[in-house]
Amino acid sequence: MTTRVTLISAARSEASDEVRFDDGRPLTAAGLRAARAAAGSLSVPADARVLASPSPRCAQTADGLGLRAVPEPGAGGCDMGRWRGRPLEEVAATEPEAVPVWLSDPEVAPHGGESVRELCARTEGWLDRLAAEAGRVVAVVEPDVVRAAVVCALGAPAQGFWRVDVEPLTATGLSGRTGRWNLRPGGRIGPR
């Protein structure tokens, strides 16, 4: 029983443009235009389950792409605790030891939210639940969910999370079943 999952990373949001920890800010005007421009480039089978992370930018990206996505809490981005909504530069200035530790140790969550390892485990559980039903899945998700899914698919240690770059509006494919996924690296969707 094979499941094919296409993860589409969300378009640019105000938070991503401002290098700020996501706090539910909407897409930028340019991000929404890019999603709309990419709408015709996706081939989504009629029987595919279409999902989106519960963030506004994922919902808006799905809408811009012309997808009728069902919110999927299991595919939510990393819980950033008290860093939510704060600019990275500000956090680095006020907690100079915390950011380097967070970026180097997947076990820690100095922000009081979710660690990288916890995000990877949650994402792996979500993929396992998707694999319980064969078929196609298209999910518009946060870039950190794509990173976590790649780490899980490769069986890589959580330290590899920060080694995966995920651009806005890219599609990353996974095919397989619980505990065994094949990876098709992300490619840009829409006009070049």
C-alpha atoms as a PDB file:
ATOM      1  CA  MET A   1       0.000   0.000   0.000  1.00  0.00           C
ATOM      2  CA  THR A   2       1.739   3.163  -1.236  1.00  0.00           C
ATOM      3  CA  THR A   3       0.946   6.718  -0.309  1.00  0.00           C
ATOM      4  CA  ARG A   4       2.235   9.638  -2.350  1.00  0.00           C
ATOM      5  CA  VAL A   5       2.566  12.926  -0.505  1.00  0.00           C
ATOM      6  CA  THR A   6       3.380  16.246  -2.135  1.00  0.00           C
ATOM      7  CA  LEU A   7       4.409  18.889   0.370  1.00  0.00           C
ATOM      8  CA  ILE A   8       4.082  22.431  -0.929  1.00  0.00           C
ATOM      9  CA  SER A   9       5.901  25.049   1.108  1.00  0.00           C
ATOM     10  CA  ALA A  10       3.892  28.166   1.822  1.00  0.00           C
ATOM     11  CA  ALA A  11       4.403  31.401  -0.078  1.00  0.00           C
ATOM     12  CA  ARG A  12       6.225  34.334   1.523  1.00  0.00           C
ATOM     13  CA  SER A  13       4.537  35.917   4.504  1.00  0.00           C
ATOM     14  CA  GLU A  14       5.112  39.117   6.438  1.00  0.00           C
ATOM     15  CA  ALA A  15       6.896  37.078   9.122  1.00  0.00           C
ATOM     16  CA  SER A  16       9.271  35.412   6.658  1.00  0.00           C
ATOM     17  CA  ASP A  17      10.086  38.713   4.942  1.00  0.00           C
ATOM     18  CA  GLU A  18      10.756  40.349   8.314  1.00  0.00           C
ATOM     19  CA  VAL A  19      12.873  37.381   9.551  1.00  0.00           C
ATOM     20  CA  ARG A  20      10.496  36.993  12.452  1.00  0.00           C
ATOM     21  CA  PHE A  21       9.289  33.819  14.171  1.00  0.00           C
ATOM     22  CA  ASP A  22       5.908  33.071  12.655  1.00  0.00           C
ATOM     23  CA  ASP A  23       2.905  34.369  14.521  1.00  0.00           C
ATOM     24  CA  GLY A  24       0.101  33.909  12.051  1.00  0.00           C
ATOM     25  CA  ARG A  25       0.858  36.882   9.839  1.00  0.00           C
ATOM     26  CA  PRO A  26      -0.716  36.793   6.370  1.00  0.00           C
ATOM     27  CA  LEU A  27       1.022  36.393   3.047  1.00  0.00           C
ATOM     28  CA  THR A  28       2.660  39.446   1.588  1.00  0.00           C
ATOM     29  CA  ALA A  29       1.019  40.855  -1.543  1.00  0.00           C
ATOM     30  CA  ALA A  30       3.932  39.394  -3.526  1.00  0.00           C
ATOM     31  CA  GLY A  31       3.466  36.007  -1.841  1.00  0.00           C
ATOM     32  CA  LEU A  32      -0.221  35.935  -2.740  1.00  0.00           C
ATOM     33  CA  ARG A  33       0.549  36.954  -6.346  1.00  0.00           C
ATOM     34  CA  ALA A  34       3.161  34.190  -6.579  1.00  0.00           C
ATOM     35  CA  ALA A  35       0.711  31.583  -5.267  1.00  0.00           C
ATOM     36  CA  ARG A  36      -1.949  32.708  -7.749  1.00  0.00           C
ATOM     37  CA  ALA A  37       0.584  32.661 -10.591  1.00  0.00           C
ATOM     38  CA  ALA A  38       1.535  29.082  -9.666  1.00  0.00           C
ATOM     39  CA  ALA A  39      -2.087  27.882  -9.557  1.00  0.00           C
ATOM     40  CA  GLY A  40      -2.140  26.480 -13.062  1.00  0.00           C
ATOM     41  CA  SER A  41       1.122  24.589 -12.699  1.00  0.00           C
ATOM     42  CA  LEU A  42      -0.131  22.030 -10.175  1.00  0.00           C
ATOM     43  CA  SER A  43      -1.657  18.783 -11.267  1.00  0.00           C
ATOM     44  CA  VAL A  44      -3.755  17.554  -8.353  1.00  0.00           C
ATOM     45  CA  PRO A  45      -5.589  14.267  -8.893  1.00  0.00           C
ATOM     46  CA  ALA A  46      -9.331  14.483  -8.266  1.00  0.00           C
ATOM     47  CA  ASP A  47      -9.112  11.807  -5.560  1.00  0.00           C
ATOM     48  CA  ALA A  48      -6.222  13.449  -3.675  1.00  0.00           C
ATOM     49  CA  ARG A  49      -6.632  14.469  -0.062  1.00  0.00           C
ATOM     50  CA  VAL A  50      -5.772  18.169   0.068  1.00  0.00           C
ATOM     51  CA  LEU A  51      -4.568  19.496   3.416  1.00  0.00           C
ATOM     52  CA  ALA A  52      -2.968  22.627   4.835  1.00  0.00           C
ATOM     53  CA  SER A  53      -1.111  23.502   8.009  1.00  0.00           C
ATOM     54  CA  PRO A  54      -3.445  25.525  10.223  1.00  0.00           C
ATOM     55  CA  SER A  55      -1.535  28.806   9.778  1.00  0.00           C
ATOM     56  CA  PRO A  56      -3.053  31.716   7.853  1.00  0.00           C
ATOM     57  CA  ARG A  57      -0.199  31.738   5.353  1.00  0.00           C
ATOM     58  CA  CYS A  58      -0.701  28.053   4.487  1.00  0.00           C
ATOM     59  CA  ALA A  59      -4.464  28.538   4.114  1.00  0.00           C
ATOM     60  CA  GLN A  60      -3.900  31.622   1.943  1.00  0.00           C
ATOM     61  CA  THR A  61      -1.293  29.799  -0.141  1.00  0.00           C
ATOM     62  CA  ALA A  62      -3.708  26.916  -0.719  1.00  0.00           C
ATOM     63  CA  ASP A  63      -6.462  29.359  -1.699  1.00  0.00           C
ATOM     64  CA  GLY A  64      -4.090  31.204  -4.031  1.00  0.00           C
ATOM     65  CA  LEU A  65      -3.150  27.896  -5.651  1.00  0.00           C
ATOM     66  CA  GLY A  66      -6.841  27.133  -6.164  1.00  0.00           C
ATOM     67  CA  LEU A  67      -6.821  24.256  -3.691  1.00  0.00           C
ATOM     68  CA  ARG A  68      -9.684  23.493  -1.337  1.00  0.00           C
ATOM     69  CA  ALA A  69      -7.582  22.409   1.597  1.00  0.00           C
ATOM     70  CA  VAL A  70      -8.755  20.951   4.870  1.00  0.00           C
ATOM     71  CA  PRO A  71      -6.862  22.332   7.903  1.00  0.00           C
ATOM     72  CA  GLU A  72      -4.501  19.695   9.315  1.00  0.00           C
ATOM     73  CA  PRO A  73      -3.319  20.422  12.891  1.00  0.00           C
ATOM     74  CA  GLY A  74      -0.797  17.559  12.779  1.00  0.00           C
ATOM     75  CA  ALA A  75       1.074  19.405  10.025  1.00  0.00           C
ATOM     76  CA  GLY A  76       1.463  22.647  11.963  1.00  0.00           C
ATOM     77  CA  GLY A  77       4.753  24.485  12.148  1.00  0.00           C
ATOM     78  CA  CYS A  78       7.065  24.346  15.145  1.00  0.00           C
ATOM     79  CA  ASP A  79       5.652  25.811  18.358  1.00  0.00           C
ATOM     80  CA  MET A  80       8.057  28.665  19.037  1.00  0.00           C
ATOM     81  CA  GLY A  81       6.801  29.438  22.527  1.00  0.00           C
ATOM     82  CA  ARG A  82       7.716  32.896  23.782  1.00  0.00           C
ATOM     83  CA  TRP A  83       9.709  33.641  20.595  1.00  0.00           C
ATOM     84  CA  ARG A  84       6.507  33.611  18.543  1.00  0.00           C
ATOM     85  CA  GLY A  85       6.232  36.846  16.583  1.00  0.00           C
ATOM     86  CA  ARG A  86       9.619  38.183  17.672  1.00  0.00           C
ATOM     87  CA  PRO A  87      12.304  39.148  15.140  1.00  0.00           C
ATOM     88  CA  LEU A  88      15.279  36.782  15.102  1.00  0.00           C
ATOM     89  CA  GLU A  89      17.637  39.737  15.520  1.00  0.00           C
ATOM     90  CA  GLU A  90      15.848  40.804  18.714  1.00  0.00           C
ATOM     91  CA  VAL A  91      15.904  37.296  20.184  1.00  0.00           C
ATOM     92  CA  ALA A  92      19.601  36.957  19.349  1.00  0.00           C
ATOM     93  CA  ALA A  93      20.305  40.269  21.108  1.00  0.00           C
ATOM     94  CA  THR A  94      18.257  39.547  24.236  1.00  0.00           C
ATOM     95  CA  GLU A  95      19.089  35.831  24.526  1.00  0.00           C
ATOM     96  CA  PRO A  96      22.539  35.568  22.932  1.00  0.00           C
ATOM     97  CA  GLU A  97      23.239  32.052  24.226  1.00  0.00           C
ATOM     98  CA  ALA A  98      19.811  30.649  23.392  1.00  0.00           C
ATOM     99  CA  VAL A  99      19.755  30.995  19.600  1.00  0.00           C
ATOM    100  CA  PRO A 100      23.070  29.175  18.929  1.00  0.00           C
ATOM    101  CA  VAL A 101      22.067  26.371  21.302  1.00  0.00           C
ATOM    102  CA  TRP A 102      18.654  26.067  19.616  1.00  0.00           C
ATOM    103  CA  LEU A 103      20.325  25.914  16.182  1.00  0.00           C
ATOM    104  CA  SER A 104      22.847  23.274  17.245  1.00  0.00           C
ATOM    105  CA  ASP A 105      21.003  20.982  19.666  1.00  0.00           C
ATOM    106  CA  PRO A 106      17.743  19.459  18.398  1.00  0.00           C
ATOM    107  CA  GLU A 107      16.815  18.392  21.940  1.00  0.00           C
ATOM    108  CA  VAL A 108      16.471  21.892  23.385  1.00  0.00           C
ATOM    109  CA  ALA A 109      13.662  24.427  23.225  1.00  0.00           C
ATOM    110  CA  PRO A 110      14.936  27.587  24.925  1.00  0.00           C
ATOM    111  CA  HIS A 111      11.797  29.391  23.769  1.00  0.00           C
ATOM    112  CA  GLY A 112       9.608  27.102  25.864  1.00  0.00           C
ATOM    113  CA  GLY A 113       7.881  25.598  22.843  1.00  0.00           C
ATOM    114  CA  GLU A 114       8.728  22.550  20.769  1.00  0.00           C
ATOM    115  CA  SER A 115      12.255  21.278  20.129  1.00  0.00           C
ATOM    116  CA  VAL A 116      13.414  20.332  16.635  1.00  0.00           C
ATOM    117  CA  ARG A 117      13.419  16.675  17.694  1.00  0.00           C
ATOM    118  CA  GLU A 118       9.819  16.984  18.919  1.00  0.00           C
ATOM    119  CA  LEU A 119       8.795  18.631  15.633  1.00  0.00           C
ATOM    120  CA  CYS A 120      10.485  15.809  13.684  1.00  0.00           C
ATOM    121  CA  ALA A 121       8.733  13.160  15.805  1.00  0.00           C
ATOM    122  CA  ARG A 122       5.361  14.884  15.413  1.00  0.00           C
ATOM    123  CA  THR A 123       5.870  15.175  11.647  1.00  0.00           C
ATOM    124  CA  GLU A 124       6.863  11.503  11.428  1.00  0.00           C
ATOM    125  CA  GLY A 125       3.684  10.562  13.303  1.00  0.00           C
ATOM    126  CA  TRP A 126       1.629  12.672  10.914  1.00  0.00           C
ATOM    127  CA  LEU A 127       3.264  10.983   7.899  1.00  0.00           C
ATOM    128  CA  ASP A 128       2.559   7.576   9.452  1.00  0.00           C
ATOM    129  CA  ARG A 129      -1.120   8.512   9.827  1.00  0.00           C
ATOM    130  CA  LEU A 130      -1.211   9.604   6.174  1.00  0.00           C
ATOM    131  CA  ALA A 131       0.383   6.303   5.148  1.00  0.00           C
ATOM    132  CA  ALA A 132      -2.392   4.354   6.827  1.00  0.00           C
ATOM    133  CA  GLU A 133      -4.520   5.169   3.783  1.00  0.00           C
ATOM    134  CA  ALA A 134      -3.064   4.580   0.310  1.00  0.00           C
ATOM    135  CA  GLY A 135      -3.501   7.282  -2.275  1.00  0.00           C
ATOM    136  CA  ARG A 136      -2.405  10.813  -3.009  1.00  0.00           C
ATOM    137  CA  VAL A 137      -2.019  13.679  -0.563  1.00  0.00           C
ATOM    138  CA  VAL A 138      -1.207  17.290  -1.362  1.00  0.00           C
ATOM    139  CA  ALA A 139      -0.405  19.397   1.696  1.00  0.00           C
ATOM    140  CA  VAL A 140       0.508  23.072   1.904  1.00  0.00           C
ATOM    141  CA  VAL A 141       2.781  23.280   4.931  1.00  0.00           C
ATOM    142  CA  GLU A 142       5.309  25.446   6.740  1.00  0.00           C
ATOM    143  CA  PRO A 143       8.939  25.150   5.599  1.00  0.00           C
ATOM    144  CA  ASP A 144       9.934  23.603   8.929  1.00  0.00           C
ATOM    145  CA  VAL A 145       7.436  20.785   8.349  1.00  0.00           C
ATOM    146  CA  VAL A 146       9.060  20.088   4.967  1.00  0.00           C
ATOM    147  CA  ARG A 147      12.486  20.032   6.673  1.00  0.00           C
ATOM    148  CA  ALA A 148      11.215  17.630   9.330  1.00  0.00           C
ATOM    149  CA  ALA A 149       9.607  15.389   6.691  1.00  0.00           C
ATOM    150  CA  VAL A 150      12.869  15.222   4.730  1.00  0.00           C
ATOM    151  CA  VAL A 151      14.788  14.297   7.893  1.00  0.00           C
ATOM    152  CA  CYS A 152      12.227  11.547   8.608  1.00  0.00           C
ATOM    153  CA  ALA A 153      12.207  10.231   5.032  1.00  0.00           C
ATOM    154  CA  LEU A 154      15.982   9.927   4.971  1.00  0.00           C
ATOM    155  CA  GLY A 155      16.194   8.453   8.461  1.00  0.00           C
ATOM    156  CA  ALA A 156      18.625  11.255   9.210  1.00  0.00           C
ATOM    157  CA  PRO A 157      19.386  12.484  12.710  1.00  0.00           C
ATOM    158  CA  ALA A 158      17.463  15.565  13.814  1.00  0.00           C
ATOM    159  CA  GLN A 159      20.738  17.538  13.604  1.00  0.00           C
ATOM    160  CA  GLY A 160      20.229  17.435   9.819  1.00  0.00           C
ATOM    161  CA  PHE A 161      17.095  19.590  10.107  1.00  0.00           C
ATOM    162  CA  TRP A 162      18.991  22.873   9.621  1.00  0.00           C
ATOM    163  CA  ARG A 163      20.830  21.454   6.588  1.00  0.00           C
ATOM    164  CA  VAL A 164      17.637  21.382   4.515  1.00  0.00           C
ATOM    165  CA  ASP A 165      16.815  24.625   2.690  1.00  0.00           C
ATOM    166  CA  VAL A 166      13.177  25.060   1.744  1.00  0.00           C
ATOM    167  CA  GLU A 167      12.219  27.893  -0.570  1.00  0.00           C
ATOM    168  CA  PRO A 168       8.665  29.270  -0.753  1.00  0.00           C
ATOM    169  CA  LEU A 169       6.348  27.564  -3.232  1.00  0.00           C
ATOM    170  CA  THR A 170       8.388  24.438  -3.782  1.00  0.00           C
ATOM    171  CA  ALA A 171       6.996  20.917  -4.023  1.00  0.00           C
ATOM    172  CA  THR A 172       8.727  18.053  -2.233  1.00  0.00           C
ATOM    173  CA  GLY A 173       7.491  14.549  -2.898  1.00  0.00           C
ATOM    174  CA  LEU A 174       7.407  11.544  -0.618  1.00  0.00           C
ATOM    175  CA  SER A 175       6.208   8.104  -1.595  1.00  0.00           C
ATOM    176  CA  GLY A 176       6.066   4.989   0.472  1.00  0.00           C
ATOM    177  CA  ARG A 177       4.498   3.734   3.631  1.00  0.00           C
ATOM    178  CA  THR A 178       4.913   3.898   7.388  1.00  0.00           C
ATOM    179  CA  GLY A 179       8.584   3.820   8.316  1.00  0.00           C
ATOM    180  CA  ARG A 180       9.852   3.796   4.735  1.00  0.00           C
ATOM    181  CA  TRP A 181       9.647   6.837   2.520  1.00  0.00           C
ATOM    182  CA  ASN A 182      11.350   7.740  -0.731  1.00  0.00           C
ATOM    183  CA  LEU A 183      12.168  11.389  -1.329  1.00  0.00           C
ATOM    184  CA  ARG A 184      11.766  13.528  -4.447  1.00  0.00           C
ATOM    185  CA  PRO A 185      13.550  16.825  -3.617  1.00  0.00           C
ATOM    186  CA  GLY A 186      11.640  20.055  -3.936  1.00  0.00           C
ATOM    187  CA  GLY A 187      11.237  21.914  -7.150  1.00  0.00           C
ATOM    188  CA  ARG A 188       9.780  25.374  -7.679  1.00  0.00           C
ATOM    189  CA  ILE A 189       6.152  25.481  -8.764  1.00  0.00           C
ATOM    190  CA  GLY A 190       4.692  28.142 -11.012  1.00  0.00           C
ATOM    191  CA  PRO A 191       6.321  30.510 -13.457  1.00  0.00           C
ATOM    192  CA  ARG A 192      10.071  30.885 -13.334  1.00  0.00           C
END
